[in-house]
PDB file of N, CA and C in Angstrom:
ATOM      1  N   MET A   1       1.174  -1.280  -0.014  1.00  0.00           N
ATOM      2  CA  MET A   1      -0.146  -0.007   0.115  1.00  0.00           C
ATOM      3  C   MET A   1       1.023   1.316   0.042  1.00  0.00           C
ATOM      4  N   SER A   2       0.498   2.276  -0.627  1.00  0.00           N
ATOM      5  CA  SER A   2       1.358   3.383  -0.971  1.00  0.00           C
ATOM      6  C   SER A   2       1.103   4.341   0.443  1.00  0.00           C
ATOM      7  N   ASP A   3       2.114   4.909   0.906  1.00  0.00           N
ATOM      8  CA  ASP A   3       2.048   5.985   1.841  1.00  0.00           C
ATOM      9  C   ASP A   3       0.696   6.513   1.855  1.00  0.00           C
ATOM     10  N   LEU A   4       0.432   7.213   0.714  1.00  0.00           N
ATOM     11  CA  LEU A   4      -0.563   8.420   0.718  1.00  0.00           C
ATOM     12  C   LEU A   4      -1.968   7.443   0.994  1.00  0.00           C
ATOM     13  N   SER A   5      -2.366   6.358   0.924  1.00  0.00           N
ATOM     14  CA  SER A   5      -3.361   5.033   0.700  1.00  0.00           C
ATOM     15  C   SER A   5      -3.265   5.260   2.302  1.00  0.00           C
ATOM     16  N   ASN A   6      -2.147   4.791   2.973  1.00  0.00           N
ATOM     17  CA  ASN A   6      -2.422   4.732   4.710  1.00  0.00           C
ATOM     18  C   ASN A   6      -2.673   5.919   4.741  1.00  0.00           C
ATOM     19  N   GLN A   7      -2.310   7.211   4.587  1.00  0.00           N
ATOM     20  CA  GLN A   7      -2.718   8.546   5.159  1.00  0.00           C
ATOM     21  C   GLN A   7      -3.980   8.630   4.909  1.00  0.00           C
ATOM     22  N   VAL A   8      -4.668   8.786   3.811  1.00  0.00           N
ATOM     23  CA  VAL A   8      -6.078   8.467   3.680  1.00  0.00           C
ATOM     24  C   VAL A   8      -6.869   7.355   4.490  1.00  0.00           C
ATOM     25  N   LEU A   9      -6.303   6.224   4.626  1.00  0.00           N
ATOM     26  CA  LEU A   9      -7.179   4.974   5.341  1.00  0.00           C
ATOM     27  C   LEU A   9      -7.347   5.607   7.075  1.00  0.00           C
ATOM     28  N   ASN A  10      -5.770   5.940   7.398  1.00  0.00           N
ATOM     29  CA  ASN A  10      -5.869   6.565   8.812  1.00  0.00           C
ATOM     30  C   ASN A  10      -7.258   7.744   8.915  1.00  0.00           C
ATOM     31  N   ILE A  11      -6.946   8.563   8.019  1.00  0.00           N
ATOM     32  CA  ILE A  11      -8.295   9.688   7.999  1.00  0.00           C
ATOM     33  C   ILE A  11      -9.601   8.994   8.393  1.00  0.00           C
ATOM     34  N   ALA A  12      -9.878   7.718   7.380  1.00  0.00           N
ATOM     35  CA  ALA A  12     -11.411   7.266   7.061  1.00  0.00           C
ATOM     36  C   ALA A  12     -11.461   6.925   8.403  1.00  0.00           C
ATOM     37  N   VAL A  13     -10.435   6.013   9.141  1.00  0.00           N
ATOM     38  CA  VAL A  13     -10.874   5.214  10.079  1.00  0.00           C
ATOM     39  C   VAL A  13     -11.632   5.955  11.373  1.00  0.00           C
ATOM     40  N   ALA A  14     -11.218   7.014  11.041  1.00  0.00           N
ATOM     41  CA  ALA A  14     -12.230   8.155  12.336  1.00  0.00           C
ATOM     42  C   ALA A  14     -13.509   8.454  11.982  1.00  0.00           C
ATOM     43  N   TYR A  15     -13.687   8.444  10.838  1.00  0.00           N
ATOM     44  CA  TYR A  15     -15.413   8.638  10.306  1.00  0.00           C
ATOM     45  C   TYR A  15     -15.981   7.810  10.044  1.00  0.00           C
ATOM     46  N   LEU A  16     -15.529   6.244   9.608  1.00  0.00           N
ATOM     47  CA  LEU A  16     -15.828   4.691   9.121  1.00  0.00           C
ATOM     48  C   LEU A  16     -15.648   4.092   9.639  1.00  0.00           C
ATOM     49  N   GLY A  17     -14.648   4.097  10.976  1.00  0.00           N
ATOM     50  CA  GLY A  17     -14.384   2.778  11.709  1.00  0.00           C
ATOM     51  C   GLY A  17     -13.636   1.455  11.282  1.00  0.00           C
ATOM     52  N   PRO A  18     -14.282   0.568  11.118  1.00  0.00           N
ATOM     53  CA  PRO A  18     -13.544  -1.007  10.468  1.00  0.00           C
ATOM     54  C   PRO A  18     -14.406  -0.745   9.348  1.00  0.00           C
ATOM     55  N   ALA A  19     -15.368   0.167   8.521  1.00  0.00           N
ATOM     56  CA  ALA A  19     -15.553   0.095   7.145  1.00  0.00           C
ATOM     57  C   ALA A  19     -14.770   1.128   6.136  1.00  0.00           C
ATOM     58  N   ALA A  20     -13.658   1.632   6.638  1.00  0.00           N
ATOM     59  CA  ALA A  20     -13.134   2.689   5.871  1.00  0.00           C
ATOM     60  C   ALA A  20     -12.523   2.199   4.842  1.00  0.00           C
ATOM     61  N   ARG A  21     -11.648   0.994   5.265  1.00  0.00           N
ATOM     62  CA  ARG A  21     -10.989   0.452   3.839  1.00  0.00           C
ATOM     63  C   ARG A  21     -11.777  -0.200   2.513  1.00  0.00           C
ATOM     64  N   GLN A  22     -12.741  -0.375   3.038  1.00  0.00           N
ATOM     65  CA  GLN A  22     -13.587  -1.415   1.882  1.00  0.00           C
ATOM     66  C   GLN A  22     -14.335  -0.125   1.197  1.00  0.00           C
ATOM     67  N   PHE A  23     -14.671   0.574   2.166  1.00  0.00           N
ATOM     68  CA  PHE A  23     -15.362   2.271   1.378  1.00  0.00           C
ATOM     69  C   PHE A  23     -14.663   2.923   0.498  1.00  0.00           C
ATOM     70  N   LEU A  24     -13.054   2.888   0.827  1.00  0.00           N
ATOM     71  CA  LEU A  24     -12.313   3.475  -0.083  1.00  0.00           C
ATOM     72  C   LEU A  24     -12.009   2.693  -1.120  1.00  0.00           C
ATOM     73  N   GLU A  25     -11.893   1.494  -0.747  1.00  0.00           N
ATOM     74  CA  GLU A  25     -11.635   0.500  -2.025  1.00  0.00           C
ATOM     75  C   GLU A  25     -12.373   0.890  -2.685  1.00  0.00           C
ATOM     76  N   ARG A  26     -13.980   0.885  -2.809  1.00  0.00           N
ATOM     77  CA  ARG A  26     -14.968   0.837  -3.638  1.00  0.00           C
ATOM     78  C   ARG A  26     -14.943   2.273  -4.235  1.00  0.00           C
ATOM     79  N   GLN A  27     -14.609   3.001  -3.683  1.00  0.00           N
ATOM     80  CA  GLN A  27     -14.731   4.433  -4.151  1.00  0.00           C
ATOM     81  C   GLN A  27     -13.473   4.749  -5.235  1.00  0.00           C
ATOM     82  N   CYS A  28     -12.451   4.065  -5.243  1.00  0.00           N
ATOM     83  CA  CYS A  28     -11.433   3.866  -5.810  1.00  0.00           C
ATOM     84  C   CYS A  28     -11.876   3.274  -7.353  1.00  0.00           C
ATOM     85  N   SER A  29     -12.312   2.036  -7.193  1.00  0.00           N
ATOM     86  CA  SER A  29     -12.595   1.309  -8.320  1.00  0.00           C
ATOM     87  C   SER A  29     -13.790   1.862  -9.002  1.00  0.00           C
ATOM     88  N   ALA A  30     -14.782   2.274  -8.404  1.00  0.00           N
ATOM     89  CA  ALA A  30     -16.031   2.488  -9.060  1.00  0.00           C
ATOM     90  C   ALA A  30     -15.785   4.251  -9.783  1.00  0.00           C
ATOM     91  N   HIS A  31     -15.375   5.142  -8.959  1.00  0.00           N
ATOM     92  CA  HIS A  31     -15.084   6.329  -9.685  1.00  0.00           C
ATOM     93  C   HIS A  31     -14.150   6.685  -9.990  1.00  0.00           C
ATOM     94  N   LEU A  32     -12.453   6.001  -9.759  1.00  0.00           N
ATOM     95  CA  LEU A  32     -11.328   6.415 -10.455  1.00  0.00           C
ATOM     96  C   LEU A  32     -10.875   5.321 -10.982  1.00  0.00           C
ATOM     97  N   SER A  33     -11.378   4.682 -11.466  1.00  0.00           N
ATOM     98  CA  SER A  33     -11.300   3.048 -12.037  1.00  0.00           C
ATOM     99  C   SER A  33      -9.487   2.813 -11.819  1.00  0.00           C
ATOM    100  N   SER A  34      -9.087   2.987 -10.393  1.00  0.00           N
ATOM    101  CA  SER A  34      -7.987   2.688 -10.066  1.00  0.00           C
ATOM    102  C   SER A  34      -7.955   1.831  -8.970  1.00  0.00           C
ATOM    103  N   SER A  35      -7.105   1.219  -8.258  1.00  0.00           N
ATOM    104  CA  SER A  35      -6.796   0.522  -6.925  1.00  0.00           C
ATOM    105  C   SER A  35      -6.510   1.503  -5.578  1.00  0.00           C
ATOM    106  N   PHE A  36      -7.206   1.128  -4.506  1.00  0.00           N
ATOM    107  CA  PHE A  36      -6.797   2.079  -3.548  1.00  0.00           C
ATOM    108  C   PHE A  36      -5.413   1.885  -3.332  1.00  0.00           C
ATOM    109  N   GLU A  37      -4.723   0.473  -3.554  1.00  0.00           N
ATOM    110  CA  GLU A  37      -3.557   0.342  -2.924  1.00  0.00           C
ATOM    111  C   GLU A  37      -2.318   1.206  -3.577  1.00  0.00           C
ATOM    112  N   THR A  38      -2.633   1.571  -4.751  1.00  0.00           N
ATOM    113  CA  THR A  38      -1.822   2.522  -5.439  1.00  0.00           C
ATOM    114  C   THR A  38      -2.464   4.063  -5.628  1.00  0.00           C
ATOM    115  N   LEU A  39      -3.049   4.267  -4.997  1.00  0.00           N
ATOM    116  CA  LEU A  39      -3.412   6.186  -4.871  1.00  0.00           C
ATOM    117  C   LEU A  39      -2.029   6.833  -5.011  1.00  0.00           C
ATOM    118  N   SER A  40      -2.366   7.666  -5.892  1.00  0.00           N
ATOM    119  CA  SER A  40      -1.558   8.497  -5.827  1.00  0.00           C
ATOM    120  C   SER A  40      -1.930   9.886  -5.857  1.00  0.00           C
ATOM    121  N   ALA A  41      -0.962  11.192  -5.724  1.00  0.00           N
ATOM    122  CA  ALA A  41      -1.543  12.485  -5.400  1.00  0.00           C
ATOM    123  C   ALA A  41      -2.784  13.140  -6.711  1.00  0.00           C
ATOM    124  N   GLY A  42      -2.414  12.526  -7.690  1.00  0.00           N
ATOM    125  CA  GLY A  42      -3.057  13.127  -8.869  1.00  0.00           C
ATOM    126  C   GLY A  42      -4.992  12.673  -8.489  1.00  0.00           C
ATOM    127  N   ASP A  43      -5.125  11.403  -7.917  1.00  0.00           N
ATOM    128  CA  ASP A  43      -6.477  11.122  -7.378  1.00  0.00           C
ATOM    129  C   ASP A  43      -6.715  11.564  -6.462  1.00  0.00           C
ATOM    130  N   ILE A  44      -6.008  12.555  -5.667  1.00  0.00           N
ATOM    131  CA  ILE A  44      -6.746  13.127  -4.467  1.00  0.00           C
ATOM    132  C   ILE A  44      -8.066  14.097  -4.485  1.00  0.00           C
ATOM    133  N   PRO A  45      -7.612  14.691  -5.931  1.00  0.00           N
ATOM    134  CA  PRO A  45      -8.887  15.522  -5.675  1.00  0.00           C
ATOM    135  C   PRO A  45     -10.474  14.955  -6.240  1.00  0.00           C
ATOM    136  N   GLU A  46     -10.791  13.774  -7.269  1.00  0.00           N
ATOM    137  CA  GLU A  46     -11.586  13.403  -7.269  1.00  0.00           C
ATOM    138  C   GLU A  46     -11.872  11.877  -6.400  1.00  0.00           C
ATOM    139  N   LEU A  47     -10.499  11.763  -5.519  1.00  0.00           N
ATOM    140  CA  LEU A  47     -11.691  10.921  -4.340  1.00  0.00           C
ATOM    141  C   LEU A  47     -12.207  11.996  -3.426  1.00  0.00           C
ATOM    142  N   GLY A  48     -11.560  12.937  -3.024  1.00  0.00           N
ATOM    143  CA  GLY A  48     -12.197  13.618  -1.855  1.00  0.00           C
ATOM    144  C   GLY A  48     -13.714  14.164  -2.338  1.00  0.00           C
ATOM    145  N   LYS A  49     -13.845  14.606  -4.193  1.00  0.00           N
ATOM    146  CA  LYS A  49     -15.133  14.536  -4.166  1.00  0.00           C
ATOM    147  C   LYS A  49     -16.103  13.586  -3.996  1.00  0.00           C
ATOM    148  N   TRP A  50     -15.593  12.406  -4.224  1.00  0.00           N
ATOM    149  CA  TRP A  50     -16.525  10.899  -4.284  1.00  0.00           C
ATOM    150  C   TRP A  50     -16.624  10.748  -2.505  1.00  0.00           C
ATOM    151  N   ILE A  51     -15.707  11.401  -1.903  1.00  0.00           N
ATOM    152  CA  ILE A  51     -15.583  10.920  -0.334  1.00  0.00           C
ATOM    153  C   ILE A  51     -16.865  11.603  -0.048  1.00  0.00           C
ATOM    154  N   ASN A  52     -16.809  13.164  -0.330  1.00  0.00           N
ATOM    155  CA  ASN A  52     -17.942  14.019   0.169  1.00  0.00           C
ATOM    156  C   ASN A  52     -19.166  13.600  -0.156  1.00  0.00           C
ATOM    157  N   ILE A  53     -19.649  13.346  -1.745  1.00  0.00           N
ATOM    158  CA  ILE A  53     -20.891  12.538  -1.939  1.00  0.00           C
ATOM    159  C   ILE A  53     -20.826  11.203  -1.144  1.00  0.00           C
ATOM    160  N   SER A  54     -20.345  10.068  -1.413  1.00  0.00           N
ATOM    161  CA  SER A  54     -20.879   8.858  -0.550  1.00  0.00           C
ATOM    162  C   SER A  54     -20.807   8.998   0.867  1.00  0.00           C
ATOM    163  N   ALA A  55     -19.800   9.424   1.286  1.00  0.00           N
ATOM    164  CA  ALA A  55     -20.146   9.272   3.013  1.00  0.00           C
ATOM    165  C   ALA A  55     -20.748  10.282   3.557  1.00  0.00           C
ATOM    166  N   GLY A  56     -21.293  11.306   2.425  1.00  0.00           N
ATOM    167  CA  GLY A  56     -22.396  12.110   3.062  1.00  0.00           C
ATOM    168  C   GLY A  56     -23.553  11.236   3.524  1.00  0.00           C
ATOM    169  N   LEU A  57     -23.906  10.256   2.395  1.00  0.00           N
ATOM    170  CA  LEU A  57     -24.972   9.640   2.668  1.00  0.00           C
ATOM    171  C   LEU A  57     -25.080   8.247   3.753  1.00  0.00           C
ATOM    172  N   VAL A  58     -24.020   8.101   4.504  1.00  0.00           N
ATOM    173  CA  VAL A  58     -23.799   7.352   5.269  1.00  0.00           C
ATOM    174  C   VAL A  58     -23.430   8.359   6.788  1.00  0.00           C
ATOM    175  N   ILE A  59     -22.826   8.949   6.795  1.00  0.00           N
ATOM    176  CA  ILE A  59     -22.314  10.049   7.706  1.00  0.00           C
ATOM    177  C   ILE A  59     -22.767  11.265   8.060  1.00  0.00           C
ATOM    178  N   GLY A  60     -23.603  11.653   7.171  1.00  0.00           N
ATOM    179  CA  GLY A  60     -23.983  13.129   6.823  1.00  0.00           C
ATOM    180  C   GLY A  60     -23.298  14.170   6.377  1.00  0.00           C
ATOM    181  N   LYS A  61     -23.795  14.976   6.249  1.00  0.00           N
ATOM    182  CA  LYS A  61     -23.237  16.147   4.944  1.00  0.00           C
ATOM    183  C   LYS A  61     -21.887  16.471   5.925  1.00  0.00           C
ATOM    184  N   ASP A  62     -22.101  17.275   7.234  1.00  0.00           N
ATOM    185  CA  ASP A  62     -21.080  18.117   7.755  1.00  0.00           C
ATOM    186  C   ASP A  62     -19.925  17.341   7.989  1.00  0.00           C
ATOM    187  N   LYS A  63     -19.715  16.037   8.204  1.00  0.00           N
ATOM    188  CA  LYS A  63     -19.026  15.091   8.704  1.00  0.00           C
ATOM    189  C   LYS A  63     -18.224  14.807   7.129  1.00  0.00           C
ATOM    190  N   ALA A  64     -19.001  14.467   5.970  1.00  0.00           N
ATOM    191  CA  ALA A  64     -18.513  14.009   5.101  1.00  0.00           C
ATOM    192  C   ALA A  64     -17.341  15.286   4.554  1.00  0.00           C
ATOM    193  N   GLU A  65     -18.088  16.347   4.875  1.00  0.00           N
ATOM    194  CA  GLU A  65     -17.300  17.761   4.066  1.00  0.00           C
ATOM    195  C   GLU A  65     -15.895  17.516   5.013  1.00  0.00           C
ATOM    196  N   GLU A  66     -16.136  17.689   6.401  1.00  0.00           N
ATOM    197  CA  GLU A  66     -14.883  17.360   7.025  1.00  0.00           C
ATOM    198  C   GLU A  66     -14.242  16.435   6.840  1.00  0.00           C
ATOM    199  N   PHE A  67     -14.277  15.130   5.860  1.00  0.00           N
ATOM    200  CA  PHE A  67     -13.529  14.181   5.897  1.00  0.00           C
ATOM    201  C   PHE A  67     -12.822  14.314   4.636  1.00  0.00           C
ATOM    202  N   SER A  68     -13.722  14.758   3.844  1.00  0.00           N
ATOM    203  CA  SER A  68     -13.274  15.307   2.490  1.00  0.00           C
ATOM    204  C   SER A  68     -11.998  16.241   2.767  1.00  0.00           C
ATOM    205  N   SER A  69     -12.317  17.480   3.143  1.00  0.00           N
ATOM    206  CA  SER A  69     -11.595  18.367   3.222  1.00  0.00           C
ATOM    207  C   SER A  69      -9.877  18.052   3.743  1.00  0.00           C
ATOM    208  N   LYS A  70     -10.378  16.511   4.489  1.00  0.00           N
ATOM    209  CA  LYS A  70      -8.994  16.203   5.324  1.00  0.00           C
ATOM    210  C   LYS A  70      -8.074  15.798   4.454  1.00  0.00           C
ATOM    211  N   VAL A  71      -8.718  14.716   3.488  1.00  0.00           N
ATOM    212  CA  VAL A  71      -8.554  13.988   2.377  1.00  0.00           C
ATOM    213  C   VAL A  71      -7.758  15.159   1.303  1.00  0.00           C
ATOM    214  N   LEU A  72      -8.350  15.942   1.234  1.00  0.00           N
ATOM    215  CA  LEU A  72      -8.076  16.897  -0.250  1.00  0.00           C
ATOM    216  C   LEU A  72      -6.672  17.789   0.654  1.00  0.00           C
ATOM    217  N   ALA A  73      -6.473  17.910   1.994  1.00  0.00           N
ATOM    218  CA  ALA A  73      -5.550  18.763   2.092  1.00  0.00           C
ATOM    219  C   ALA A  73      -4.136  17.765   2.096  1.00  0.00           C
ATOM    220  N   LEU A  74      -4.235  16.183   1.836  1.00  0.00           N
ATOM    221  CA  LEU A  74      -2.796  15.851   1.680  1.00  0.00           C
ATOM    222  C   LEU A  74      -2.746  15.779   0.329  1.00  0.00           C
ATOM    223  N   LYS A  75      -2.584  16.613  -0.667  1.00  0.00           N
ATOM    224  CA  LYS A  75      -2.170  16.962  -1.756  1.00  0.00           C
ATOM    225  C   LYS A  75      -1.324  18.122  -1.944  1.00  0.00           C
TER     226      LYS A  75
END
């Protein structure tokens, strides 16, 4: 797993708990057509967008925006 993937996962765990990795893997495969394992800096803007949309359905809009902002700050 890339260092960036680990950083994103660490952020995600705070919001999604044990479902974080599966959530991120699904976002990457469905929306970025890539693997979460090989996440790169170029993927972060699109991943941040989809985190905001998809996580908002699960954890609410405010928390999803906070989560997305933290991920977007990694680039």
